[in-house]
Amino acid sequence: MRPHRLIAAAALVTVATVALIAAACSGGNDAPAVTYEGLDGASLYSQACARCHGVDLTGTNQGPPFLDATYTPGHHADASFLLAARGGAPSHHWNFGPMPPVPGLSDEQIEAIVDFVRTQQRAAGFD
C-alpha cells in the first residue's frame, strides 16, 4: 500500500473508532434526546453526572471522583466543567477514556451542577 493510502486508511479507522465510542457512550443515534428541567444542582447532578462520577461524587468504574484535589477550583476552574459537559473532554488525569459531551444541559444548568459540586467539595475539605 502506498504511504498516502496508508495514512488515509489510518485516519478513516481513527474517525470510525471515535464515532463508535461516541455512539456507545451516548446510546447511539436512535437514543431519545435527553432534556433536563430546572436549576437544582443536586437533582441535575443526579440525573446527568452520577452514573459516571458517583452518586456521592466519589467516582465509579466509568468516571473519576469529583471529591479529589484534581477537580478543585485551583486545578480545574468552573469553566472547565462547562466545556467538558458541552463538548466532552480527553482523558488526561485518569484512565477512563474520553468523557463524551452531555447533551441536553443548558449553560445555566451546568453552572448549577458546578455550584453543587463545589459545595460538596468544600464540605469534604477540598477547597
Protein backbone atom coordinates (compact mmCIF):
# COMPACT_ATOMS: atom_id res chain seq x y z
CA MET A 1 0.00 0.00 0.00
CA ARG A 2 1.28 3.45 -0.87
CA PRO A 3 2.17 5.71 2.09
CA HIS A 4 -0.57 8.27 1.34
CA ARG A 5 -3.18 5.49 1.14
CA LEU A 6 -1.91 4.01 4.40
CA ILE A 7 -2.26 7.39 6.11
CA ALA A 8 -5.76 7.85 4.69
CA ALA A 9 -6.75 4.35 5.84
CA ALA A 10 -5.40 5.00 9.35
CA ALA A 11 -7.29 8.29 9.52
CA LEU A 12 -10.51 6.56 8.43
CA VAL A 13 -10.07 3.89 11.12
CA THR A 14 -9.44 6.59 13.74
CA VAL A 15 -12.57 8.53 12.72
CA ALA A 16 -14.64 5.34 12.74
CA THR A 17 -13.31 4.37 16.17
CA VAL A 18 -14.12 7.78 17.64
CA ALA A 19 -17.62 7.61 16.14
CA LEU A 20 -18.20 4.16 17.62
CA ILE A 21 -17.02 5.27 21.06
CA ALA A 22 -19.24 8.34 20.95
CA ALA A 23 -22.23 6.26 19.87
CA ALA A 24 -21.62 3.74 22.65
CA CYS A 25 -21.37 6.46 25.29
CA SER A 26 -24.39 8.41 24.10
CA GLY A 27 -26.67 5.47 23.45
CA GLY A 28 -26.34 5.75 19.68
CA ASN A 29 -28.18 7.90 17.17
CA ASP A 30 -31.50 6.20 17.92
CA ALA A 31 -31.45 7.19 21.59
CA PRO A 32 -34.15 9.71 22.50
CA ALA A 33 -32.96 13.24 23.19
CA VAL A 34 -32.47 13.87 26.89
CA THR A 35 -33.68 17.11 28.38
CA TYR A 36 -33.24 18.24 31.93
CA GLU A 37 -35.63 20.51 33.79
CA GLY A 38 -34.96 23.10 36.46
CA LEU A 39 -31.86 24.54 38.05
CA ASP A 40 -31.43 22.38 41.16
CA GLY A 41 -27.76 21.39 41.01
CA ALA A 42 -28.15 18.27 43.18
CA SER A 43 -31.02 16.95 41.07
CA LEU A 44 -29.28 17.76 37.80
CA TYR A 45 -26.05 16.13 39.02
CA SER A 46 -28.01 13.02 39.98
CA GLN A 47 -29.63 12.85 36.55
CA ALA A 48 -26.71 13.80 34.31
CA CYS A 49 -23.45 13.04 36.16
CA ALA A 50 -23.86 10.48 38.94
CA ARG A 51 -23.82 7.44 36.66
CA CYS A 52 -20.16 8.07 35.87
CA HIS A 53 -18.95 10.30 38.70
CA GLY A 54 -20.82 8.56 41.52
CA VAL A 55 -23.93 9.48 43.46
CA ASP A 56 -21.64 10.64 46.27
CA LEU A 57 -19.10 12.26 43.88
CA THR A 58 -16.52 9.53 44.65
CA GLY A 59 -16.40 8.17 41.10
CA THR A 60 -17.31 4.85 39.54
CA ASN A 61 -15.66 2.40 37.19
CA GLN A 62 -16.81 4.75 34.38
CA GLY A 63 -15.56 8.10 35.64
CA PRO A 64 -13.33 9.86 38.16
CA PRO A 65 -14.32 11.31 41.53
CA PHE A 66 -15.05 15.00 41.94
CA LEU A 67 -14.11 14.75 45.62
CA ASP A 68 -10.45 14.82 44.72
CA ALA A 69 -7.81 17.56 44.65
CA THR A 70 -7.66 17.17 40.85
CA TYR A 71 -11.07 18.83 40.47
CA THR A 72 -10.76 21.67 42.98
CA PRO A 73 -11.01 25.25 41.68
CA GLY A 74 -7.25 25.72 41.87
CA HIS A 75 -6.71 22.86 39.42
CA HIS A 76 -9.90 22.82 37.32
CA ALA A 77 -11.73 26.12 37.04
CA ASP A 78 -15.52 26.16 36.83
CA ALA A 79 -15.24 26.86 33.10
CA SER A 80 -13.51 23.50 32.57
CA PHE A 81 -16.65 21.73 33.82
CA LEU A 82 -18.77 23.80 31.43
CA LEU A 83 -16.50 23.00 28.49
CA ALA A 84 -16.37 19.28 29.35
CA ALA A 85 -20.15 18.99 29.64
CA ARG A 86 -20.66 20.90 26.38
CA GLY A 87 -18.02 19.30 24.21
CA GLY A 88 -16.57 16.33 26.08
CA ALA A 89 -13.05 16.08 27.40
CA PRO A 90 -9.99 13.97 26.63
CA SER A 91 -8.73 11.54 29.23
CA HIS A 92 -5.79 13.33 30.83
CA HIS A 93 -5.76 12.64 34.58
CA TRP A 94 -7.37 9.21 34.76
CA ASN A 95 -7.66 6.09 32.62
CA PHE A 96 -11.41 6.10 31.99
CA GLY A 97 -11.16 7.18 28.38
CA PRO A 98 -12.52 10.43 26.98
CA MET A 99 -15.62 11.98 28.51
CA PRO A 100 -18.42 12.36 25.95
CA PRO A 101 -20.44 15.58 25.84
CA VAL A 102 -23.59 15.69 27.96
CA PRO A 103 -26.35 16.81 25.59
CA GLY A 104 -29.49 18.43 26.90
CA LEU A 105 -27.96 20.62 29.62
CA SER A 106 -28.10 24.40 29.33
CA ASP A 107 -25.17 26.53 30.46
CA GLU A 108 -27.25 27.63 33.45
CA GLN A 109 -27.89 24.01 34.41
CA ILE A 110 -24.20 23.17 34.13
CA GLU A 111 -23.43 26.16 36.36
CA ALA A 112 -25.94 24.81 38.92
CA ILE A 113 -24.20 21.43 38.81
CA VAL A 114 -20.80 23.09 39.30
CA ASP A 115 -22.16 25.03 42.27
CA PHE A 116 -23.41 21.75 43.76
CA VAL A 117 -20.05 20.04 43.16
CA ARG A 118 -18.14 22.97 44.68
CA THR A 119 -20.40 22.92 47.77
CA GLN A 120 -19.77 19.19 48.19
CA GLN A 121 -16.03 19.68 47.72
CA ARG A 122 -15.92 22.39 50.40
CA ALA A 123 -17.93 20.19 52.80
CA ALA A 124 -15.41 17.38 52.23
CA GLY A 125 -12.42 19.69 52.83
CA PHE A 126 -11.42 20.16 49.18
CA ASP A 127 -11.28 23.95 48.88
